[in-house]
Amino acid sequence: MPGASHQADLELAPAERSLVARLRNAAASPEPASGTQRPSVDLRAGLFPVGDQAPHPSCVAFAVTALCEFHHGRTRKLSERYLHHKTAAAAVNPAAGMRLASAFATLRDHGICGADLWPYDPVSWVSGDPGHPPAAADADARRYRLRAAQPVAPGDVMAIKRLLAGDTEHRGTPVAVGLALLDGIQEDPAFHKGGRLRLPDEARDARFGHAMLLVGYLDDEALPGGGFFIARNSWGETWAAGNGTAPGHALIAYDYARTCIYEAMAGEAMPRSDGATNDGGLAAAPPAGLHRASVRLDHETRDETGSLLRAGSWALRIRGGIYRDTPRNRRLADLP
């Protein structure tokens, strides 16, 4: 089954288990899902394709590395291996598992080098020798830092949505979360097929934690809690291929997020550039002569073929994807 070889990365501490239990009790009367916010946000266009951590405890590094890549305009693939190595080296008790706050501290103090210098290598973990970064890595890492972090109260769905959506002064930003996986979820084929996380009717223990990167949301009053978050996982692009919305991503119902997120952090606030919107660096309102689906890119973005489109160029946004502006793709955009 897809994802079966991937396991949650850490055992939750008693305080975190207790927090999840308290959040479940508090979720009996949840706040309205949407309020005056946008009903949907999708920042996936500002990110590289989903990676695969393989059966190793590096989900925090994958989530936070992707966030850093977003903040640096997806100009270069960065090294999850370097972030994991530096964060683990600074840990008092590495066996206790990695937390988001520790990885953010590494990005603040050291940064992260490019993946071309030190690529992710699952084989090194299997051999028991993860190795050491090359000599040039530390100097390169200082070019890619997150100098500040925005912590979010556990289970605060509205605060997370505000960060994802942005506002008139700041662009939307993904949010890294530590999430409890309740008993039985890891063995549920439906979870691995569709990536859907919904709160079960019966109370279950929260024993294990896993990190993901929230990259969007969709309000829908017909769904549990009033909608769901789109969560970038690190189990490869074929995981959850059956969800029909975002293969490689989990779809986390708001009620599950409200109950089971025990840690959440975003990067520093990103001032809005002229014409930018909340859609991962895409600008709207094309001038006369362009297609109605045209969007302007305020940073380099990959199109449907994986090719890079320059910052400042126009492309087509078709059903959530970014396409090169060609006659064929314009006809595709006009299809119902």
C-alpha atoms as a PDB file:
ATOM      1  CA  MET A   1       0.000   0.000   0.000  1.00  0.00           C
ATOM      2  CA  PRO A   2       1.394   3.490  -0.783  1.00  0.00           C
ATOM      3  CA  GLY A   3       2.980   5.041   2.259  1.00  0.00           C
ATOM      4  CA  ALA A   4       3.036   1.809   4.227  1.00  0.00           C
ATOM      5  CA  SER A   5       6.821   1.972   4.624  1.00  0.00           C
ATOM      6  CA  HIS A   6       6.614   5.472   6.068  1.00  0.00           C
ATOM      7  CA  GLN A   7       6.029   5.798   9.772  1.00  0.00           C
ATOM      8  CA  ALA A   8       5.251   8.692  12.071  1.00  0.00           C
ATOM      9  CA  ASP A   9       8.514  10.209  13.181  1.00  0.00           C
ATOM     10  CA  LEU A  10       8.266  10.551  16.931  1.00  0.00           C
ATOM     11  CA  GLU A  11       6.390   9.344  19.971  1.00  0.00           C
ATOM     12  CA  LEU A  12       4.409  12.148  21.564  1.00  0.00           C
ATOM     13  CA  ALA A  13       5.422  13.315  25.008  1.00  0.00           C
ATOM     14  CA  PRO A  14       2.806  13.055  27.799  1.00  0.00           C
ATOM     15  CA  ALA A  15       2.261  16.840  27.679  1.00  0.00           C
ATOM     16  CA  GLU A  16       1.472  16.688  23.954  1.00  0.00           C
ATOM     17  CA  ARG A  17      -0.928  13.769  24.416  1.00  0.00           C
ATOM     18  CA  SER A  18      -2.671  15.742  27.158  1.00  0.00           C
ATOM     19  CA  LEU A  19      -2.864  18.807  24.904  1.00  0.00           C
ATOM     20  CA  VAL A  20      -4.568  16.803  22.141  1.00  0.00           C
ATOM     21  CA  ALA A  21      -7.122  15.496  24.658  1.00  0.00           C
ATOM     22  CA  ARG A  22      -7.862  19.035  25.885  1.00  0.00           C
ATOM     23  CA  LEU A  23      -8.219  20.331  22.327  1.00  0.00           C
ATOM     24  CA  ARG A  24     -10.730  17.590  21.529  1.00  0.00           C
ATOM     25  CA  ASN A  25     -12.881  18.662  24.461  1.00  0.00           C
ATOM     26  CA  ALA A  26     -12.630  22.304  23.428  1.00  0.00           C
ATOM     27  CA  ALA A  27     -13.642  21.468  19.849  1.00  0.00           C
ATOM     28  CA  ALA A  28     -17.177  20.521  20.852  1.00  0.00           C
ATOM     29  CA  SER A  29     -18.339  24.027  19.852  1.00  0.00           C
ATOM     30  CA  PRO A  30     -15.953  25.072  17.076  1.00  0.00           C
ATOM     31  CA  GLU A  31     -15.796  28.587  15.678  1.00  0.00           C
ATOM     32  CA  PRO A  32     -17.252  29.281  12.207  1.00  0.00           C
ATOM     33  CA  ALA A  33     -15.001  27.941   9.482  1.00  0.00           C
ATOM     34  CA  SER A  34     -14.824  30.814   7.053  1.00  0.00           C
ATOM     35  CA  GLY A  35     -16.019  34.094   8.534  1.00  0.00           C
ATOM     36  CA  THR A  36     -15.005  36.919   6.178  1.00  0.00           C
ATOM     37  CA  GLN A  37     -11.924  35.143   4.819  1.00  0.00           C
ATOM     38  CA  ARG A  38     -11.466  33.824   1.305  1.00  0.00           C
ATOM     39  CA  PRO A  39     -13.218  30.449   0.899  1.00  0.00           C
ATOM     40  CA  SER A  40     -10.119  28.794  -0.596  1.00  0.00           C
ATOM     41  CA  VAL A  41      -6.353  29.276  -0.888  1.00  0.00           C
ATOM     42  CA  ASP A  42      -3.776  27.139  -2.718  1.00  0.00           C
ATOM     43  CA  LEU A  43      -0.053  27.979  -2.467  1.00  0.00           C
ATOM     44  CA  ARG A  44       1.282  24.838  -4.165  1.00  0.00           C
ATOM     45  CA  ALA A  45       2.435  26.773  -7.238  1.00  0.00           C
ATOM     46  CA  GLY A  46       5.150  28.382  -5.104  1.00  0.00           C
ATOM     47  CA  LEU A  47       6.704  25.047  -4.106  1.00  0.00           C
ATOM     48  CA  PHE A  48       8.847  22.340  -5.667  1.00  0.00           C
ATOM     49  CA  PRO A  49       7.325  18.869  -6.236  1.00  0.00           C
ATOM     50  CA  VAL A  50       6.663  16.791  -3.119  1.00  0.00           C
ATOM     51  CA  GLY A  51       9.719  14.921  -1.810  1.00  0.00           C
ATOM     52  CA  ASP A  52      10.065  11.518  -0.184  1.00  0.00           C
ATOM     53  CA  GLN A  53      11.714  11.164   3.209  1.00  0.00           C
ATOM     54  CA  ALA A  54      11.792   7.337   2.854  1.00  0.00           C
ATOM     55  CA  PRO A  55      11.558   5.360   6.144  1.00  0.00           C
ATOM     56  CA  HIS A  56      13.630   7.845   8.136  1.00  0.00           C
ATOM     57  CA  PRO A  57      12.660  10.372  10.856  1.00  0.00           C
ATOM     58  CA  SER A  58      13.075  13.536   8.787  1.00  0.00           C
ATOM     59  CA  CYS A  59       9.520  14.827   8.288  1.00  0.00           C
ATOM     60  CA  VAL A  60      10.295  18.046  10.198  1.00  0.00           C
ATOM     61  CA  ALA A  61      13.245  18.758   7.907  1.00  0.00           C
ATOM     62  CA  PHE A  62      11.087  18.178   4.820  1.00  0.00           C
ATOM     63  CA  ALA A  63       8.255  20.442   6.009  1.00  0.00           C
ATOM     64  CA  VAL A  64      10.491  23.305   7.129  1.00  0.00           C
ATOM     65  CA  THR A  65      12.793  23.070   4.094  1.00  0.00           C
ATOM     66  CA  ALA A  66       9.796  23.431   1.760  1.00  0.00           C
ATOM     67  CA  LEU A  67       8.657  26.472   3.750  1.00  0.00           C
ATOM     68  CA  CYS A  68      12.111  28.041   3.409  1.00  0.00           C
ATOM     69  CA  GLU A  69      12.096  27.354  -0.354  1.00  0.00           C
ATOM     70  CA  PHE A  70       8.766  29.162  -0.613  1.00  0.00           C
ATOM     71  CA  HIS A  71      10.107  32.178   1.265  1.00  0.00           C
ATOM     72  CA  HIS A  72      13.131  32.349  -1.025  1.00  0.00           C
ATOM     73  CA  GLY A  73      10.966  32.305  -4.130  1.00  0.00           C
ATOM     74  CA  ARG A  74      11.611  28.695  -5.081  1.00  0.00           C
ATOM     75  CA  THR A  75      14.819  29.760  -6.780  1.00  0.00           C
ATOM     76  CA  ARG A  76      16.797  26.709  -5.629  1.00  0.00           C
ATOM     77  CA  LYS A  77      16.142  23.263  -4.190  1.00  0.00           C
ATOM     78  CA  LEU A  78      17.468  23.228  -0.623  1.00  0.00           C
ATOM     79  CA  SER A  79      18.925  20.379   1.429  1.00  0.00           C
ATOM     80  CA  GLU A  80      16.635  18.588   3.891  1.00  0.00           C
ATOM     81  CA  ARG A  81      19.675  16.523   4.816  1.00  0.00           C
ATOM     82  CA  TYR A  82      21.616  19.615   5.929  1.00  0.00           C
ATOM     83  CA  LEU A  83      18.722  20.975   8.006  1.00  0.00           C
ATOM     84  CA  HIS A  84      18.173  17.614   9.695  1.00  0.00           C
ATOM     85  CA  HIS A  85      21.900  17.176  10.378  1.00  0.00           C
ATOM     86  CA  LYS A  86      22.373  20.644  11.912  1.00  0.00           C
ATOM     87  CA  THR A  87      19.190  20.446  13.985  1.00  0.00           C
ATOM     88  CA  ALA A  88      19.981  16.972  15.325  1.00  0.00           C
ATOM     89  CA  ALA A  89      23.552  18.022  16.179  1.00  0.00           C
ATOM     90  CA  ALA A  90      22.218  20.819  18.396  1.00  0.00           C
ATOM     91  CA  ALA A  91      19.604  18.650  20.152  1.00  0.00           C
ATOM     92  CA  VAL A  92      20.056  17.798  23.827  1.00  0.00           C
ATOM     93  CA  ASN A  93      18.260  14.483  23.309  1.00  0.00           C
ATOM     94  CA  PRO A  94      18.094  13.573  19.601  1.00  0.00           C
ATOM     95  CA  ALA A  95      16.305  10.306  20.403  1.00  0.00           C
ATOM     96  CA  ALA A  96      13.284  12.272  21.630  1.00  0.00           C
ATOM     97  CA  GLY A  97      12.486  13.384  18.073  1.00  0.00           C
ATOM     98  CA  MET A  98      12.775  16.710  16.283  1.00  0.00           C
ATOM     99  CA  ARG A  99      10.431  19.645  16.850  1.00  0.00           C
ATOM    100  CA  LEU A 100       9.555  22.492  14.494  1.00  0.00           C
ATOM    101  CA  ALA A 101      10.953  25.141  16.837  1.00  0.00           C
ATOM    102  CA  SER A 102      14.380  23.469  16.744  1.00  0.00           C
ATOM    103  CA  ALA A 103      14.432  23.391  12.930  1.00  0.00           C
ATOM    104  CA  PHE A 104      13.400  27.055  12.773  1.00  0.00           C
ATOM    105  CA  ALA A 105      16.233  27.888  15.174  1.00  0.00           C
ATOM    106  CA  THR A 106      18.649  26.162  12.785  1.00  0.00           C
ATOM    107  CA  LEU A 107      17.358  28.256   9.876  1.00  0.00           C
ATOM    108  CA  ARG A 108      17.774  31.399  11.949  1.00  0.00           C
ATOM    109  CA  ASP A 109      21.282  30.624  13.220  1.00  0.00           C
ATOM    110  CA  HIS A 110      22.810  28.653  10.343  1.00  0.00           C
ATOM    111  CA  GLY A 111      20.494  28.655   7.327  1.00  0.00           C
ATOM    112  CA  ILE A 112      20.318  25.765   4.871  1.00  0.00           C
ATOM    113  CA  CYS A 113      22.542  24.895   1.930  1.00  0.00           C
ATOM    114  CA  GLY A 114      21.481  23.902  -1.566  1.00  0.00           C
ATOM    115  CA  ALA A 115      20.524  20.306  -2.286  1.00  0.00           C
ATOM    116  CA  ASP A 116      23.035  20.316  -5.141  1.00  0.00           C
ATOM    117  CA  LEU A 117      25.784  20.566  -2.508  1.00  0.00           C
ATOM    118  CA  TRP A 118      24.411  17.897  -0.158  1.00  0.00           C
ATOM    119  CA  PRO A 119      21.426  15.987  -1.578  1.00  0.00           C
ATOM    120  CA  TYR A 120      19.071  13.895   0.510  1.00  0.00           C
ATOM    121  CA  ASP A 121      20.388  10.329   0.645  1.00  0.00           C
ATOM    122  CA  PRO A 122      18.191   7.667   2.287  1.00  0.00           C
ATOM    123  CA  VAL A 123      20.916   5.049   1.775  1.00  0.00           C
ATOM    124  CA  SER A 124      23.194   6.814   4.257  1.00  0.00           C
ATOM    125  CA  TRP A 125      20.590   6.314   6.998  1.00  0.00           C
ATOM    126  CA  VAL A 126      20.230   2.649   6.145  1.00  0.00           C
ATOM    127  CA  SER A 127      23.982   2.211   6.460  1.00  0.00           C
ATOM    128  CA  GLY A 128      23.975   4.025   9.806  1.00  0.00           C
ATOM    129  CA  ASP A 129      26.417   6.660   8.539  1.00  0.00           C
ATOM    130  CA  PRO A 130      24.574   9.876   7.600  1.00  0.00           C
ATOM    131  CA  GLY A 131      27.895  11.582   6.896  1.00  0.00           C
ATOM    132  CA  HIS A 132      28.860  15.240   7.204  1.00  0.00           C
ATOM    133  CA  PRO A 133      28.158  18.239   4.951  1.00  0.00           C
ATOM    134  CA  PRO A 134      30.830  19.276   2.453  1.00  0.00           C
ATOM    135  CA  ALA A 135      33.185  22.134   3.285  1.00  0.00           C
ATOM    136  CA  ALA A 136      31.286  24.680   1.208  1.00  0.00           C
ATOM    137  CA  ALA A 137      27.906  23.915   2.785  1.00  0.00           C
ATOM    138  CA  ASP A 138      28.033  26.222   5.819  1.00  0.00           C
ATOM    139  CA  ALA A 139      28.939  29.317   3.803  1.00  0.00           C
ATOM    140  CA  ASP A 140      26.270  28.475   1.246  1.00  0.00           C
ATOM    141  CA  ALA A 141      23.682  27.944   3.992  1.00  0.00           C
ATOM    142  CA  ARG A 142      24.032  31.503   5.250  1.00  0.00           C
ATOM    143  CA  ARG A 143      22.425  32.692   2.000  1.00  0.00           C
ATOM    144  CA  TYR A 144      19.178  30.884   2.869  1.00  0.00           C
ATOM    145  CA  ARG A 145      17.889  31.792   6.290  1.00  0.00           C
ATOM    146  CA  LEU A 146      14.553  32.492   7.934  1.00  0.00           C
ATOM    147  CA  ARG A 147      15.347  35.244  10.391  1.00  0.00           C
ATOM    148  CA  ALA A 148      12.079  35.094  12.321  1.00  0.00           C
ATOM    149  CA  ALA A 149       9.190  32.716  12.941  1.00  0.00           C
ATOM    150  CA  GLN A 150       5.502  33.198  13.642  1.00  0.00           C
ATOM    151  CA  PRO A 151       4.254  30.636  16.186  1.00  0.00           C
ATOM    152  CA  VAL A 152       0.558  29.761  16.120  1.00  0.00           C
ATOM    153  CA  ALA A 153      -1.525  28.552  19.058  1.00  0.00           C
ATOM    154  CA  PRO A 154      -2.154  24.775  18.762  1.00  0.00           C
ATOM    155  CA  GLY A 155      -5.460  24.015  17.089  1.00  0.00           C
ATOM    156  CA  ASP A 156      -6.167  27.647  16.090  1.00  0.00           C
ATOM    157  CA  VAL A 157      -7.707  26.963  12.682  1.00  0.00           C
ATOM    158  CA  MET A 158      -8.666  30.586  12.025  1.00  0.00           C
ATOM    159  CA  ALA A 159      -5.146  31.877  12.743  1.00  0.00           C
ATOM    160  CA  ILE A 160      -3.639  29.293  10.387  1.00  0.00           C
ATOM    161  CA  LYS A 161      -6.106  30.262   7.652  1.00  0.00           C
ATOM    162  CA  ARG A 162      -5.245  33.940   8.073  1.00  0.00           C
ATOM    163  CA  LEU A 163      -1.551  33.176   7.550  1.00  0.00           C
ATOM    164  CA  LEU A 164      -2.287  31.065   4.468  1.00  0.00           C
ATOM    165  CA  ALA A 165      -4.561  33.721   2.962  1.00  0.00           C
ATOM    166  CA  GLY A 166      -2.402  36.759   3.725  1.00  0.00           C
ATOM    167  CA  ASP A 167      -3.854  40.265   3.876  1.00  0.00           C
ATOM    168  CA  THR A 168      -3.527  43.630   2.192  1.00  0.00           C
ATOM    169  CA  GLU A 169       0.035  44.083   3.458  1.00  0.00           C
ATOM    170  CA  HIS A 170       1.462  40.543   3.529  1.00  0.00           C
ATOM    171  CA  ARG A 171       1.491  37.589   1.163  1.00  0.00           C
ATOM    172  CA  GLY A 172       0.040  34.300   2.232  1.00  0.00           C
ATOM    173  CA  THR A 173       2.539  31.819   3.645  1.00  0.00           C
ATOM    174  CA  PRO A 174       2.497  28.062   4.227  1.00  0.00           C
ATOM    175  CA  VAL A 175       2.382  26.904   7.852  1.00  0.00           C
ATOM    176  CA  ALA A 176       4.449  23.988   9.201  1.00  0.00           C
ATOM    177  CA  VAL A 177       2.569  21.847  11.724  1.00  0.00           C
ATOM    178  CA  GLY A 178       3.246  19.010  14.115  1.00  0.00           C
ATOM    179  CA  LEU A 179       0.235  16.738  13.941  1.00  0.00           C
ATOM    180  CA  ALA A 180      -0.833  13.817  16.120  1.00  0.00           C
ATOM    181  CA  LEU A 181      -1.770  10.668  14.191  1.00  0.00           C
ATOM    182  CA  LEU A 182      -4.448   8.930  16.201  1.00  0.00           C
ATOM    183  CA  ASP A 183      -4.355   5.184  16.846  1.00  0.00           C
ATOM    184  CA  GLY A 184      -5.314   3.160  13.785  1.00  0.00           C
ATOM    185  CA  ILE A 185      -4.668   5.848  11.164  1.00  0.00           C
ATOM    186  CA  GLN A 186      -1.276   4.509  10.107  1.00  0.00           C
ATOM    187  CA  GLU A 187      -2.872   1.128   9.352  1.00  0.00           C
ATOM    188  CA  ASP A 188      -5.887   2.573   7.503  1.00  0.00           C
ATOM    189  CA  PRO A 189      -5.644   1.919   3.720  1.00  0.00           C
ATOM    190  CA  ALA A 190      -8.050   4.818   3.077  1.00  0.00           C
ATOM    191  CA  PHE A 191      -5.569   7.233   4.651  1.00  0.00           C
ATOM    192  CA  HIS A 192      -2.751   6.107   2.369  1.00  0.00           C
ATOM    193  CA  LYS A 193      -5.004   6.016  -0.707  1.00  0.00           C
ATOM    194  CA  GLY A 194      -6.732   9.373  -0.291  1.00  0.00           C
ATOM    195  CA  GLY A 195      -4.784  11.170   2.426  1.00  0.00           C
ATOM    196  CA  ARG A 196      -7.970  12.159   4.225  1.00  0.00           C
ATOM    197  CA  LEU A 197      -7.799  12.871   7.955  1.00  0.00           C
ATOM    198  CA  ARG A 198     -11.141  13.173   9.695  1.00  0.00           C
ATOM    199  CA  LEU A 199     -11.838  13.021  13.401  1.00  0.00           C
ATOM    200  CA  PRO A 200     -13.301   9.594  14.312  1.00  0.00           C
ATOM    201  CA  ASP A 201     -16.512   9.439  16.284  1.00  0.00           C
ATOM    202  CA  GLU A 202     -14.923   7.459  19.082  1.00  0.00           C
ATOM    203  CA  ALA A 203     -12.098   8.810  21.239  1.00  0.00           C
ATOM    204  CA  ARG A 204      -8.664   7.435  20.307  1.00  0.00           C
ATOM    205  CA  ASP A 205      -5.254   7.832  21.855  1.00  0.00           C
ATOM    206  CA  ALA A 206      -2.701  10.132  20.222  1.00  0.00           C
ATOM    207  CA  ARG A 207       0.634   8.348  20.408  1.00  0.00           C
ATOM    208  CA  PHE A 208       2.690   9.453  17.431  1.00  0.00           C
ATOM    209  CA  GLY A 209       3.496  12.766  15.769  1.00  0.00           C
ATOM    210  CA  HIS A 210       4.240  13.721  12.183  1.00  0.00           C
ATOM    211  CA  ALA A 211       5.160  17.037  10.530  1.00  0.00           C
ATOM    212  CA  MET A 212       3.533  18.409   7.379  1.00  0.00           C
ATOM    213  CA  LEU A 213       3.336  21.777   5.633  1.00  0.00           C
ATOM    214  CA  LEU A 214      -0.116  23.333   5.257  1.00  0.00           C
ATOM    215  CA  VAL A 215      -0.246  24.922   1.791  1.00  0.00           C
ATOM    216  CA  GLY A 216      -3.912  25.777   1.361  1.00  0.00           C
ATOM    217  CA  TYR A 217      -7.474  25.240   2.491  1.00  0.00           C
ATOM    218  CA  LEU A 218     -11.021  24.882   1.182  1.00  0.00           C
ATOM    219  CA  ASP A 219     -14.148  25.866   3.106  1.00  0.00           C
ATOM    220  CA  ASP A 220     -17.049  23.469   2.665  1.00  0.00           C
ATOM    221  CA  GLU A 221     -19.824  23.344   5.246  1.00  0.00           C
ATOM    222  CA  ALA A 222     -20.686  19.807   4.131  1.00  0.00           C
ATOM    223  CA  LEU A 223     -17.331  18.537   5.430  1.00  0.00           C
ATOM    224  CA  PRO A 224     -16.392  17.808   9.062  1.00  0.00           C
ATOM    225  CA  GLY A 225     -15.500  21.074  10.771  1.00  0.00           C
ATOM    226  CA  GLY A 226     -16.537  23.119   7.731  1.00  0.00           C
ATOM    227  CA  GLY A 227     -13.674  22.358   5.335  1.00  0.00           C
ATOM    228  CA  PHE A 228     -10.144  21.009   5.104  1.00  0.00           C
ATOM    229  CA  PHE A 229      -6.479  22.015   4.875  1.00  0.00           C
ATOM    230  CA  ILE A 230      -4.240  20.887   2.002  1.00  0.00           C
ATOM    231  CA  ALA A 231      -1.144  19.494   3.727  1.00  0.00           C
ATOM    232  CA  ARG A 232       2.084  18.768   1.858  1.00  0.00           C
ATOM    233  CA  ASN A 233       3.394  15.418   3.077  1.00  0.00           C
ATOM    234  CA  SER A 234       6.884  13.947   2.586  1.00  0.00           C
ATOM    235  CA  TRP A 235       6.014  10.441   1.440  1.00  0.00           C
ATOM    236  CA  GLY A 236       6.428  11.057  -2.292  1.00  0.00           C
ATOM    237  CA  GLU A 237       4.168  12.258  -5.098  1.00  0.00           C
ATOM    238  CA  THR A 238       2.387   8.910  -5.484  1.00  0.00           C
ATOM    239  CA  TRP A 239       1.188   8.798  -1.869  1.00  0.00           C
ATOM    240  CA  ALA A 240      -2.557   9.603  -1.558  1.00  0.00           C
ATOM    241  CA  ALA A 241      -2.842   9.517  -5.352  1.00  0.00           C
ATOM    242  CA  GLY A 242      -6.539   8.717  -5.029  1.00  0.00           C
ATOM    243  CA  ASN A 243      -7.682  11.913  -3.323  1.00  0.00           C
ATOM    244  CA  GLY A 244      -8.377  13.655  -6.644  1.00  0.00           C
ATOM    245  CA  THR A 245      -7.310  17.040  -5.311  1.00  0.00           C
ATOM    246  CA  ALA A 246      -3.611  16.973  -4.545  1.00  0.00           C
ATOM    247  CA  PRO A 247      -1.631  13.709  -4.798  1.00  0.00           C
ATOM    248  CA  GLY A 248       1.221  13.642  -2.309  1.00  0.00           C
ATOM    249  CA  HIS A 249      -0.841  15.797   0.049  1.00  0.00           C
ATOM    250  CA  ALA A 250      -3.122  15.027   2.979  1.00  0.00           C
ATOM    251  CA  LEU A 251      -6.570  16.604   3.211  1.00  0.00           C
ATOM    252  CA  ILE A 252      -7.003  17.436   6.905  1.00  0.00           C
ATOM    253  CA  ALA A 253     -10.537  18.242   8.066  1.00  0.00           C
ATOM    254  CA  TYR A 254     -10.744  21.361  10.205  1.00  0.00           C
ATOM    255  CA  ASP A 255     -12.071  19.392  13.169  1.00  0.00           C
ATOM    256  CA  TYR A 256      -9.071  17.052  13.041  1.00  0.00           C
ATOM    257  CA  ALA A 257      -6.680  20.021  12.724  1.00  0.00           C
ATOM    258  CA  ARG A 258      -8.357  21.816  15.598  1.00  0.00           C
ATOM    259  CA  THR A 259      -7.911  18.763  17.802  1.00  0.00           C
ATOM    260  CA  CYS A 260      -4.626  17.202  16.686  1.00  0.00           C
ATOM    261  CA  ILE A 261      -2.231  20.004  15.731  1.00  0.00           C
ATOM    262  CA  TYR A 262       0.071  20.389  18.730  1.00  0.00           C
ATOM    263  CA  GLU A 263       2.685  22.690  17.137  1.00  0.00           C
ATOM    264  CA  ALA A 264       2.386  25.232  14.296  1.00  0.00           C
ATOM    265  CA  MET A 265       4.847  27.791  12.935  1.00  0.00           C
ATOM    266  CA  ALA A 266       5.143  30.022   9.884  1.00  0.00           C
ATOM    267  CA  GLY A 267       8.140  31.958   8.628  1.00  0.00           C
ATOM    268  CA  GLU A 268       8.648  35.691   8.861  1.00  0.00           C
ATOM    269  CA  ALA A 269       5.953  37.907   7.392  1.00  0.00           C
ATOM    270  CA  MET A 270       6.342  38.443   3.642  1.00  0.00           C
ATOM    271  CA  PRO A 271       5.547  42.013   2.517  1.00  0.00           C
ATOM    272  CA  ARG A 272       3.328  42.103  -0.535  1.00  0.00           C
ATOM    273  CA  SER A 273       4.950  43.286  -3.765  1.00  0.00           C
ATOM    274  CA  ASP A 274       3.036  45.348  -6.320  1.00  0.00           C
ATOM    275  CA  GLY A 275       0.309  43.267  -7.900  1.00  0.00           C
ATOM    276  CA  ALA A 276       0.932  40.176  -5.794  1.00  0.00           C
ATOM    277  CA  THR A 277      -1.969  38.074  -4.569  1.00  0.00           C
ATOM    278  CA  ASN A 278      -2.372  35.324  -1.988  1.00  0.00           C
ATOM    279  CA  ASP A 279      -1.737  32.526  -4.471  1.00  0.00           C
ATOM    280  CA  GLY A 280       1.915  31.625  -4.009  1.00  0.00           C
ATOM    281  CA  GLY A 281       3.369  34.640  -5.811  1.00  0.00           C
ATOM    282  CA  LEU A 282       0.789  34.999  -8.582  1.00  0.00           C
ATOM    283  CA  ALA A 283      -0.552  38.390  -9.652  1.00  0.00           C
ATOM    284  CA  ALA A 284      -3.984  38.878 -11.205  1.00  0.00           C
ATOM    285  CA  ALA A 285      -5.754  41.516 -13.364  1.00  0.00           C
ATOM    286  CA  PRO A 286      -4.000  40.976 -16.714  1.00  0.00           C
ATOM    287  CA  PRO A 287      -3.830  43.917 -19.125  1.00  0.00           C
ATOM    288  CA  ALA A 288      -5.894  44.005 -22.310  1.00  0.00           C
ATOM    289  CA  GLY A 289      -4.978  41.373 -24.901  1.00  0.00           C
ATOM    290  CA  LEU A 290      -4.119  38.567 -22.462  1.00  0.00           C
ATOM    291  CA  HIS A 291      -6.337  35.616 -21.702  1.00  0.00           C
ATOM    292  CA  ARG A 292      -8.839  35.747 -18.869  1.00  0.00           C
ATOM    293  CA  ALA A 293      -6.843  32.946 -17.157  1.00  0.00           C
ATOM    294  CA  SER A 294      -3.568  34.905 -17.378  1.00  0.00           C
ATOM    295  CA  VAL A 295      -1.576  35.546 -14.206  1.00  0.00           C
ATOM    296  CA  ARG A 296       1.697  37.359 -13.687  1.00  0.00           C
ATOM    297  CA  LEU A 297       4.462  35.634 -11.731  1.00  0.00           C
ATOM    298  CA  ASP A 298       6.368  37.605  -9.118  1.00  0.00           C
ATOM    299  CA  HIS A 299       8.983  34.836  -8.735  1.00  0.00           C
ATOM    300  CA  GLU A 300      10.243  31.922 -10.803  1.00  0.00           C
ATOM    301  CA  THR A 301       7.584  29.230 -11.082  1.00  0.00           C
ATOM    302  CA  ARG A 302       7.498  25.812 -12.758  1.00  0.00           C
ATOM    303  CA  ASP A 303       4.833  25.204 -15.394  1.00  0.00           C
ATOM    304  CA  GLU A 304       2.908  21.986 -16.078  1.00  0.00           C
ATOM    305  CA  THR A 305       5.949  20.413 -17.744  1.00  0.00           C
ATOM    306  CA  GLY A 306       8.343  21.306 -14.916  1.00  0.00           C
ATOM    307  CA  SER A 307      10.031  24.079 -16.915  1.00  0.00           C
ATOM    308  CA  LEU A 308      10.903  27.325 -15.141  1.00  0.00           C
ATOM    309  CA  LEU A 309       8.973  30.483 -16.023  1.00  0.00           C
ATOM    310  CA  ARG A 310      10.736  33.783 -15.275  1.00  0.00           C
ATOM    311  CA  ALA A 311       9.604  36.174 -12.570  1.00  0.00           C
ATOM    312  CA  GLY A 312       7.530  38.949 -14.151  1.00  0.00           C
ATOM    313  CA  SER A 313       6.311  36.784 -17.044  1.00  0.00           C
ATOM    314  CA  TRP A 314       2.677  35.944 -17.742  1.00  0.00           C
ATOM    315  CA  ALA A 315       1.303  32.399 -17.583  1.00  0.00           C
ATOM    316  CA  LEU A 316      -2.082  30.717 -17.438  1.00  0.00           C
ATOM    317  CA  ARG A 317      -3.693  29.445 -14.244  1.00  0.00           C
ATOM    318  CA  ILE A 318      -5.825  26.431 -15.187  1.00  0.00           C
ATOM    319  CA  ARG A 319      -7.675  24.526 -12.466  1.00  0.00           C
ATOM    320  CA  GLY A 320      -5.039  25.331  -9.867  1.00  0.00           C
ATOM    321  CA  GLY A 321      -1.988  24.612 -12.068  1.00  0.00           C
ATOM    322  CA  ILE A 322       0.419  26.972 -13.839  1.00  0.00           C
ATOM    323  CA  TYR A 323       0.681  26.549 -17.632  1.00  0.00           C
ATOM    324  CA  ARG A 324       2.802  28.256 -20.262  1.00  0.00           C
ATOM    325  CA  ASP A 325       0.792  30.753 -22.331  1.00  0.00           C
ATOM    326  CA  THR A 326       0.326  28.915 -25.650  1.00  0.00           C
ATOM    327  CA  PRO A 327      -2.657  28.643 -28.050  1.00  0.00           C
ATOM    328  CA  ARG A 328      -3.154  25.006 -27.025  1.00  0.00           C
ATOM    329  CA  ASN A 329      -3.195  25.863 -23.325  1.00  0.00           C
ATOM    330  CA  ARG A 330      -5.582  28.764 -23.946  1.00  0.00           C
ATOM    331  CA  ARG A 331      -8.004  26.306 -25.528  1.00  0.00           C
ATOM    332  CA  LEU A 332      -7.563  24.079 -22.499  1.00  0.00           C
ATOM    333  CA  ALA A 333      -8.365  27.018 -20.206  1.00  0.00           C
ATOM    334  CA  ASP A 334     -11.605  27.654 -22.137  1.00  0.00           C
ATOM    335  CA  LEU A 335     -12.910  24.126 -21.577  1.00  0.00           C
ATOM    336  CA  PRO A 336     -15.751  23.883 -19.023  1.00  0.00           C
END
